[in-house]
N, C-alpha and C. Protein backbone atom coordinates (compact mmCIF):
# COMPACT_ATOMS: atom_id res chain seq x y z
N MET A 1 -11.42 -43.99 -12.47
CA MET A 1 -12.10 -42.70 -12.42
C MET A 1 -11.13 -41.66 -12.05
N GLU A 2 -11.21 -40.48 -12.77
CA GLU A 2 -10.33 -39.35 -12.42
C GLU A 2 -11.09 -38.04 -12.70
N VAL A 3 -11.02 -37.06 -11.74
CA VAL A 3 -11.61 -35.77 -11.98
C VAL A 3 -10.49 -34.77 -11.66
N GLY A 4 -10.26 -33.89 -12.72
CA GLY A 4 -9.28 -32.80 -12.49
C GLY A 4 -8.11 -32.99 -13.43
N PRO A 5 -7.11 -32.10 -13.27
CA PRO A 5 -6.96 -31.18 -12.18
C PRO A 5 -7.85 -29.99 -12.24
N ILE A 6 -8.28 -29.58 -11.07
CA ILE A 6 -9.10 -28.43 -10.92
C ILE A 6 -8.31 -27.26 -10.26
N GLU A 7 -8.23 -26.15 -10.88
CA GLU A 7 -7.49 -25.01 -10.31
C GLU A 7 -8.37 -24.41 -9.13
N VAL A 8 -7.75 -24.31 -7.98
CA VAL A 8 -8.42 -23.73 -6.82
C VAL A 8 -7.72 -22.47 -6.40
N GLU A 9 -8.57 -21.46 -6.08
CA GLU A 9 -8.01 -20.15 -5.58
C GLU A 9 -8.78 -19.70 -4.44
N ASP A 10 -8.14 -19.06 -3.46
CA ASP A 10 -8.70 -18.46 -2.31
C ASP A 10 -9.70 -19.36 -1.60
N ALA A 11 -9.11 -20.50 -0.98
CA ALA A 11 -9.91 -21.53 -0.24
C ALA A 11 -9.31 -21.80 1.05
N LEU A 12 -10.08 -22.29 2.01
CA LEU A 12 -9.55 -22.73 3.33
C LEU A 12 -9.50 -24.29 3.30
N LEU A 13 -8.34 -24.85 3.75
CA LEU A 13 -8.16 -26.24 3.85
C LEU A 13 -8.05 -26.57 5.30
N THR A 14 -8.84 -27.39 5.86
CA THR A 14 -8.86 -27.78 7.26
C THR A 14 -8.47 -29.19 7.39
N LEU A 15 -7.35 -29.56 8.17
CA LEU A 15 -6.97 -30.92 8.40
C LEU A 15 -7.34 -31.22 9.82
N GLY A 16 -8.46 -31.99 10.04
CA GLY A 16 -9.06 -32.11 11.36
C GLY A 16 -8.75 -33.49 12.00
N PHE A 17 -7.65 -34.09 11.74
CA PHE A 17 -7.35 -35.36 12.33
C PHE A 17 -6.48 -35.31 13.57
N THR A 18 -6.22 -34.08 14.08
CA THR A 18 -5.50 -33.92 15.31
C THR A 18 -6.44 -33.20 16.30
N LYS A 19 -6.12 -33.17 17.58
CA LYS A 19 -7.00 -32.54 18.62
C LYS A 19 -7.34 -31.09 18.18
N LYS A 20 -6.36 -30.36 17.77
CA LYS A 20 -6.59 -28.93 17.27
C LYS A 20 -6.39 -28.99 15.74
N PRO A 21 -7.50 -28.74 14.99
CA PRO A 21 -7.33 -28.79 13.56
C PRO A 21 -6.30 -27.77 13.01
N VAL A 22 -5.67 -28.18 11.91
CA VAL A 22 -4.67 -27.27 11.26
C VAL A 22 -5.46 -26.62 10.07
N VAL A 23 -5.40 -25.33 9.96
CA VAL A 23 -6.12 -24.59 8.95
C VAL A 23 -5.13 -23.82 8.03
N PHE A 24 -5.34 -24.01 6.72
CA PHE A 24 -4.49 -23.37 5.70
C PHE A 24 -5.35 -22.41 4.88
N GLN A 25 -4.89 -21.24 4.59
CA GLN A 25 -5.47 -20.41 3.56
C GLN A 25 -4.69 -20.78 2.26
N VAL A 26 -5.45 -21.27 1.34
CA VAL A 26 -4.90 -21.77 0.03
C VAL A 26 -5.06 -20.58 -0.96
N ASP A 27 -3.95 -19.95 -1.39
CA ASP A 27 -4.09 -18.87 -2.39
C ASP A 27 -4.34 -19.49 -3.81
N ARG A 28 -3.61 -20.60 -4.02
CA ARG A 28 -3.80 -21.36 -5.28
C ARG A 28 -3.32 -22.77 -5.15
N ALA A 29 -3.97 -23.68 -5.93
CA ALA A 29 -3.58 -25.13 -5.86
C ALA A 29 -4.26 -25.82 -6.99
N LYS A 30 -3.77 -27.04 -7.26
CA LYS A 30 -4.38 -27.92 -8.20
C LYS A 30 -4.90 -29.15 -7.43
N VAL A 31 -6.17 -29.50 -7.69
CA VAL A 31 -6.77 -30.68 -6.98
C VAL A 31 -7.25 -31.63 -8.02
N THR A 32 -6.86 -32.94 -7.82
CA THR A 32 -7.30 -34.08 -8.65
C THR A 32 -7.85 -35.17 -7.76
N VAL A 33 -8.95 -35.81 -8.10
CA VAL A 33 -9.44 -36.89 -7.33
C VAL A 33 -9.38 -38.14 -8.27
N ARG A 34 -8.83 -39.19 -7.70
CA ARG A 34 -8.67 -40.43 -8.50
C ARG A 34 -9.15 -41.67 -7.67
N ARG A 35 -9.68 -42.63 -8.31
CA ARG A 35 -9.95 -43.93 -7.68
C ARG A 35 -9.67 -44.95 -8.75
N ARG A 36 -8.56 -45.75 -8.44
CA ARG A 36 -8.17 -46.85 -9.25
C ARG A 36 -8.64 -48.11 -8.66
N LYS A 37 -8.66 -49.27 -9.43
CA LYS A 37 -9.18 -50.49 -8.92
C LYS A 37 -8.49 -50.91 -7.62
N ALA A 38 -7.17 -50.72 -7.53
CA ALA A 38 -6.39 -51.07 -6.40
C ALA A 38 -6.62 -50.21 -5.14
N ASP A 39 -7.26 -49.03 -5.32
CA ASP A 39 -7.46 -48.09 -4.18
C ASP A 39 -8.68 -48.53 -3.31
N ALA A 40 -8.53 -48.46 -2.02
CA ALA A 40 -9.58 -48.80 -1.11
C ALA A 40 -10.77 -47.84 -1.18
N GLY A 41 -10.43 -46.59 -1.56
CA GLY A 41 -11.40 -45.53 -1.75
C GLY A 41 -10.79 -44.42 -2.55
N PRO A 42 -11.56 -43.34 -2.76
CA PRO A 42 -11.00 -42.23 -3.54
C PRO A 42 -9.77 -41.61 -2.89
N VAL A 43 -8.86 -41.06 -3.75
CA VAL A 43 -7.65 -40.43 -3.23
C VAL A 43 -7.66 -39.03 -3.82
N ILE A 44 -7.43 -38.01 -2.96
CA ILE A 44 -7.42 -36.65 -3.39
C ILE A 44 -5.94 -36.14 -3.35
N TYR A 45 -5.54 -35.65 -4.51
CA TYR A 45 -4.14 -35.11 -4.72
C TYR A 45 -4.28 -33.55 -4.71
N ILE A 46 -3.60 -32.94 -3.78
CA ILE A 46 -3.57 -31.48 -3.79
C ILE A 46 -2.13 -31.03 -4.05
N GLU A 47 -1.95 -30.33 -5.11
CA GLU A 47 -0.57 -30.05 -5.62
C GLU A 47 -0.36 -28.59 -5.84
N GLU A 48 0.93 -28.24 -5.79
CA GLU A 48 1.38 -26.87 -6.05
C GLU A 48 0.69 -25.85 -5.24
N VAL A 49 0.53 -26.14 -3.92
CA VAL A 49 -0.18 -25.25 -2.98
C VAL A 49 0.68 -24.12 -2.61
N GLU A 50 0.12 -22.93 -2.76
CA GLU A 50 0.75 -21.69 -2.22
C GLU A 50 -0.30 -21.06 -1.29
N GLY A 51 0.20 -20.52 -0.16
CA GLY A 51 -0.72 -19.95 0.82
C GLY A 51 -0.01 -19.74 2.14
N HIS A 52 -0.75 -19.94 3.24
CA HIS A 52 -0.12 -19.85 4.54
C HIS A 52 -0.97 -20.52 5.60
N MET A 53 -0.33 -20.92 6.67
CA MET A 53 -1.03 -21.67 7.70
C MET A 53 -1.65 -20.64 8.67
N LEU A 54 -2.93 -20.81 8.98
CA LEU A 54 -3.64 -19.88 9.85
C LEU A 54 -3.77 -20.41 11.29
N LYS A 55 -4.03 -21.68 11.45
CA LYS A 55 -4.24 -22.21 12.78
C LYS A 55 -3.56 -23.64 12.86
N PRO A 56 -3.09 -24.05 14.03
CA PRO A 56 -2.91 -23.22 15.22
C PRO A 56 -1.93 -22.12 14.91
N SER A 57 -2.06 -21.03 15.66
CA SER A 57 -1.19 -19.84 15.36
C SER A 57 -0.41 -19.42 16.59
N PRO A 58 0.79 -20.03 16.79
CA PRO A 58 1.60 -19.61 17.94
C PRO A 58 2.44 -18.41 17.62
N LEU A 59 2.41 -17.91 16.41
CA LEU A 59 3.25 -16.73 16.02
C LEU A 59 2.34 -15.53 15.75
N PRO A 60 2.96 -14.33 15.78
CA PRO A 60 2.14 -13.14 15.55
C PRO A 60 1.59 -12.98 14.14
N LYS A 61 2.17 -13.73 13.17
CA LYS A 61 1.64 -13.61 11.86
C LYS A 61 1.51 -15.01 11.23
N PRO A 62 0.76 -15.10 10.10
CA PRO A 62 0.49 -16.45 9.47
C PRO A 62 1.89 -17.04 8.97
N VAL A 63 1.99 -18.36 8.96
CA VAL A 63 3.15 -19.07 8.46
C VAL A 63 3.01 -19.30 6.96
N PRO A 64 3.92 -18.69 6.15
CA PRO A 64 3.77 -18.85 4.67
C PRO A 64 4.13 -20.27 4.30
N ILE A 65 3.43 -20.73 3.29
CA ILE A 65 3.78 -22.02 2.57
C ILE A 65 4.09 -21.69 1.21
N ALA A 66 5.37 -21.89 0.83
CA ALA A 66 5.82 -21.52 -0.55
C ALA A 66 5.45 -22.64 -1.54
N TRP A 67 5.38 -23.87 -1.10
CA TRP A 67 5.09 -25.01 -2.01
C TRP A 67 4.68 -26.20 -1.20
N ALA A 68 3.61 -26.79 -1.52
CA ALA A 68 3.16 -28.04 -0.80
C ALA A 68 2.39 -28.95 -1.71
N ASN A 69 2.52 -30.24 -1.44
CA ASN A 69 1.77 -31.29 -2.05
C ASN A 69 1.16 -32.17 -0.95
N ALA A 70 -0.09 -32.58 -1.12
CA ALA A 70 -0.75 -33.49 -0.13
C ALA A 70 -1.47 -34.57 -0.91
N VAL A 71 -1.53 -35.75 -0.28
CA VAL A 71 -2.31 -36.88 -0.74
C VAL A 71 -3.24 -37.20 0.46
N VAL A 72 -4.53 -37.20 0.17
CA VAL A 72 -5.53 -37.49 1.20
C VAL A 72 -6.32 -38.68 0.73
N ARG A 73 -6.23 -39.78 1.56
CA ARG A 73 -6.95 -41.04 1.25
C ARG A 73 -8.24 -41.01 2.12
N LEU A 74 -9.40 -41.20 1.43
CA LEU A 74 -10.61 -41.22 2.24
C LEU A 74 -10.81 -42.57 2.96
N VAL A 75 -10.00 -43.57 2.49
CA VAL A 75 -9.98 -44.86 3.20
C VAL A 75 -8.55 -45.36 3.18
N GLY A 76 -8.06 -45.95 4.32
CA GLY A 76 -6.77 -46.52 4.32
C GLY A 76 -5.80 -45.69 5.11
N LYS A 77 -4.54 -46.19 5.21
CA LYS A 77 -3.48 -45.55 6.08
C LYS A 77 -2.30 -45.30 5.28
N PRO A 78 -1.53 -44.23 5.47
CA PRO A 78 -2.02 -43.03 6.25
C PRO A 78 -3.08 -42.30 5.54
N LEU A 79 -3.88 -41.63 6.28
CA LEU A 79 -4.97 -40.82 5.66
C LEU A 79 -4.36 -39.61 4.91
N VAL A 80 -3.26 -39.05 5.36
CA VAL A 80 -2.71 -37.83 4.77
C VAL A 80 -1.24 -38.01 4.65
N GLU A 81 -0.66 -37.64 3.50
CA GLU A 81 0.74 -37.53 3.23
C GLU A 81 1.04 -36.10 2.78
N LEU A 82 2.01 -35.53 3.38
CA LEU A 82 2.39 -34.09 3.03
C LEU A 82 3.84 -33.95 2.58
N THR A 83 4.07 -33.23 1.49
CA THR A 83 5.44 -32.79 1.17
C THR A 83 5.40 -31.29 1.22
N VAL A 84 6.18 -30.68 2.09
CA VAL A 84 5.96 -29.27 2.32
C VAL A 84 7.33 -28.52 2.35
N ASP A 85 7.31 -27.33 1.77
CA ASP A 85 8.41 -26.41 1.95
C ASP A 85 7.86 -25.04 2.30
N SER A 86 8.57 -24.28 3.08
CA SER A 86 8.01 -23.03 3.40
C SER A 86 9.21 -22.01 3.70
N ALA A 87 8.90 -20.79 3.90
CA ALA A 87 9.90 -19.76 3.93
C ALA A 87 10.14 -19.25 5.37
N GLY A 88 11.41 -18.96 5.68
CA GLY A 88 11.82 -18.25 6.85
C GLY A 88 11.65 -18.97 8.18
N ILE A 89 11.74 -18.23 9.19
CA ILE A 89 11.68 -18.84 10.60
C ILE A 89 10.30 -19.32 10.85
N ALA A 90 9.28 -18.60 10.35
CA ALA A 90 7.87 -19.04 10.52
C ALA A 90 7.67 -20.42 9.87
N GLY A 91 8.33 -20.57 8.76
CA GLY A 91 8.21 -21.86 8.00
C GLY A 91 8.87 -22.96 8.76
N ALA A 92 9.99 -22.67 9.45
CA ALA A 92 10.67 -23.62 10.26
C ALA A 92 9.80 -24.10 11.40
N PHE A 93 9.06 -23.20 12.04
CA PHE A 93 8.09 -23.61 13.11
C PHE A 93 6.95 -24.46 12.49
N ALA A 94 6.49 -24.10 11.35
CA ALA A 94 5.38 -24.89 10.74
C ALA A 94 5.90 -26.32 10.39
N ARG A 95 7.14 -26.40 9.88
CA ARG A 95 7.65 -27.77 9.60
C ARG A 95 7.78 -28.56 10.90
N ALA A 96 8.26 -27.92 11.97
CA ALA A 96 8.49 -28.60 13.21
C ALA A 96 7.09 -29.11 13.73
N GLY A 97 6.09 -28.24 13.65
CA GLY A 97 4.75 -28.71 14.11
C GLY A 97 4.18 -29.87 13.26
N LEU A 98 4.36 -29.81 11.94
CA LEU A 98 3.93 -30.92 11.12
C LEU A 98 4.73 -32.19 11.36
N ARG A 99 5.99 -32.00 11.64
CA ARG A 99 6.92 -33.23 11.95
C ARG A 99 6.43 -33.87 13.24
N ILE A 100 6.08 -33.11 14.22
CA ILE A 100 5.60 -33.63 15.51
C ILE A 100 4.22 -34.32 15.30
N ALA A 101 3.34 -33.65 14.53
CA ALA A 101 2.01 -34.27 14.26
C ALA A 101 2.25 -35.61 13.47
N GLY A 102 3.10 -35.58 12.53
CA GLY A 102 3.40 -36.84 11.82
C GLY A 102 3.89 -37.94 12.71
N HIS A 103 4.70 -37.59 13.75
CA HIS A 103 5.19 -38.60 14.63
C HIS A 103 4.09 -39.09 15.56
N VAL A 104 3.34 -38.17 16.09
CA VAL A 104 2.28 -38.57 17.07
C VAL A 104 1.17 -39.33 16.41
N LYS A 105 0.82 -38.89 15.17
CA LYS A 105 -0.28 -39.56 14.42
C LYS A 105 0.27 -40.38 13.27
N ARG A 106 1.32 -41.14 13.44
CA ARG A 106 2.01 -41.75 12.34
C ARG A 106 1.05 -42.75 11.58
N ASP A 107 0.01 -43.29 12.19
CA ASP A 107 -0.86 -44.15 11.50
C ASP A 107 -1.86 -43.37 10.63
N GLN A 108 -1.96 -42.04 10.80
CA GLN A 108 -2.87 -41.24 10.07
C GLN A 108 -2.20 -40.26 9.16
N MET A 109 -0.97 -39.86 9.41
CA MET A 109 -0.29 -38.82 8.64
C MET A 109 1.20 -39.12 8.49
N ARG A 110 1.71 -38.80 7.31
CA ARG A 110 3.13 -38.96 7.03
C ARG A 110 3.61 -37.72 6.46
N TYR A 111 4.68 -37.17 7.06
CA TYR A 111 5.27 -35.83 6.65
C TYR A 111 6.66 -36.07 6.08
N LYS A 112 6.99 -35.39 5.00
CA LYS A 112 8.36 -35.40 4.48
C LYS A 112 8.64 -34.06 3.84
N ARG A 113 9.92 -33.76 3.86
CA ARG A 113 10.36 -32.41 3.28
C ARG A 113 11.47 -32.77 2.28
N GLY A 114 11.38 -32.07 1.16
CA GLY A 114 12.42 -32.34 0.13
C GLY A 114 12.32 -31.42 -1.08
N ALA A 115 13.18 -31.61 -2.01
CA ALA A 115 13.19 -30.84 -3.22
C ALA A 115 11.99 -31.17 -4.08
N VAL A 116 11.49 -30.16 -4.78
CA VAL A 116 10.35 -30.33 -5.66
C VAL A 116 10.91 -30.68 -7.03
N LYS A 117 10.34 -31.75 -7.67
CA LYS A 117 10.85 -32.15 -8.99
C LYS A 117 10.19 -31.22 -10.06
N VAL A 118 11.06 -30.67 -10.81
CA VAL A 118 10.55 -29.75 -11.96
C VAL A 118 10.88 -30.46 -13.29
N GLU A 119 9.86 -30.75 -14.08
CA GLU A 119 10.08 -31.40 -15.37
C GLU A 119 10.06 -30.41 -16.54
N GLY A 120 10.61 -30.79 -17.59
CA GLY A 120 10.63 -29.88 -18.75
C GLY A 120 12.00 -29.56 -19.34
N GLY A 121 13.06 -29.80 -18.60
CA GLY A 121 14.38 -29.57 -19.09
C GLY A 121 14.77 -28.18 -19.24
N PRO A 122 15.80 -27.86 -20.06
CA PRO A 122 16.27 -26.47 -20.21
C PRO A 122 15.27 -25.53 -20.86
N ALA A 123 14.31 -26.05 -21.62
CA ALA A 123 13.35 -25.16 -22.29
C ALA A 123 12.26 -24.74 -21.31
N CYS A 124 12.21 -25.32 -20.11
CA CYS A 124 11.15 -25.07 -19.11
C CYS A 124 11.32 -23.62 -18.56
N ARG A 125 10.25 -22.85 -18.55
CA ARG A 125 10.30 -21.46 -18.00
C ARG A 125 9.41 -21.36 -16.78
């Protein structure tokens, strides 16, 4: 079974698996839900996220997210996997917070940072 990708604009995403939920303003993203025979439950893929982190907010302005991908499993471990990149010093604080959450909640969340794969070759615009 597969639904999507669905284009999402102007939405709030709340990750509530920590003591203080993390809240993101999603300006745009693509969401796909899949369940394959081997999956314990539905899996939600959130890709090409642009927006900013709203909470928790230790900084005077929101933390921008330039690009992010997330996998959310409704059953199984880890429940959430994130690949994130963000801009500037505020982004560095956001990555540090996510890295700490990934360490503390390692059975529920996995965090990694890296280059985004772009397909399409030289003709890609």
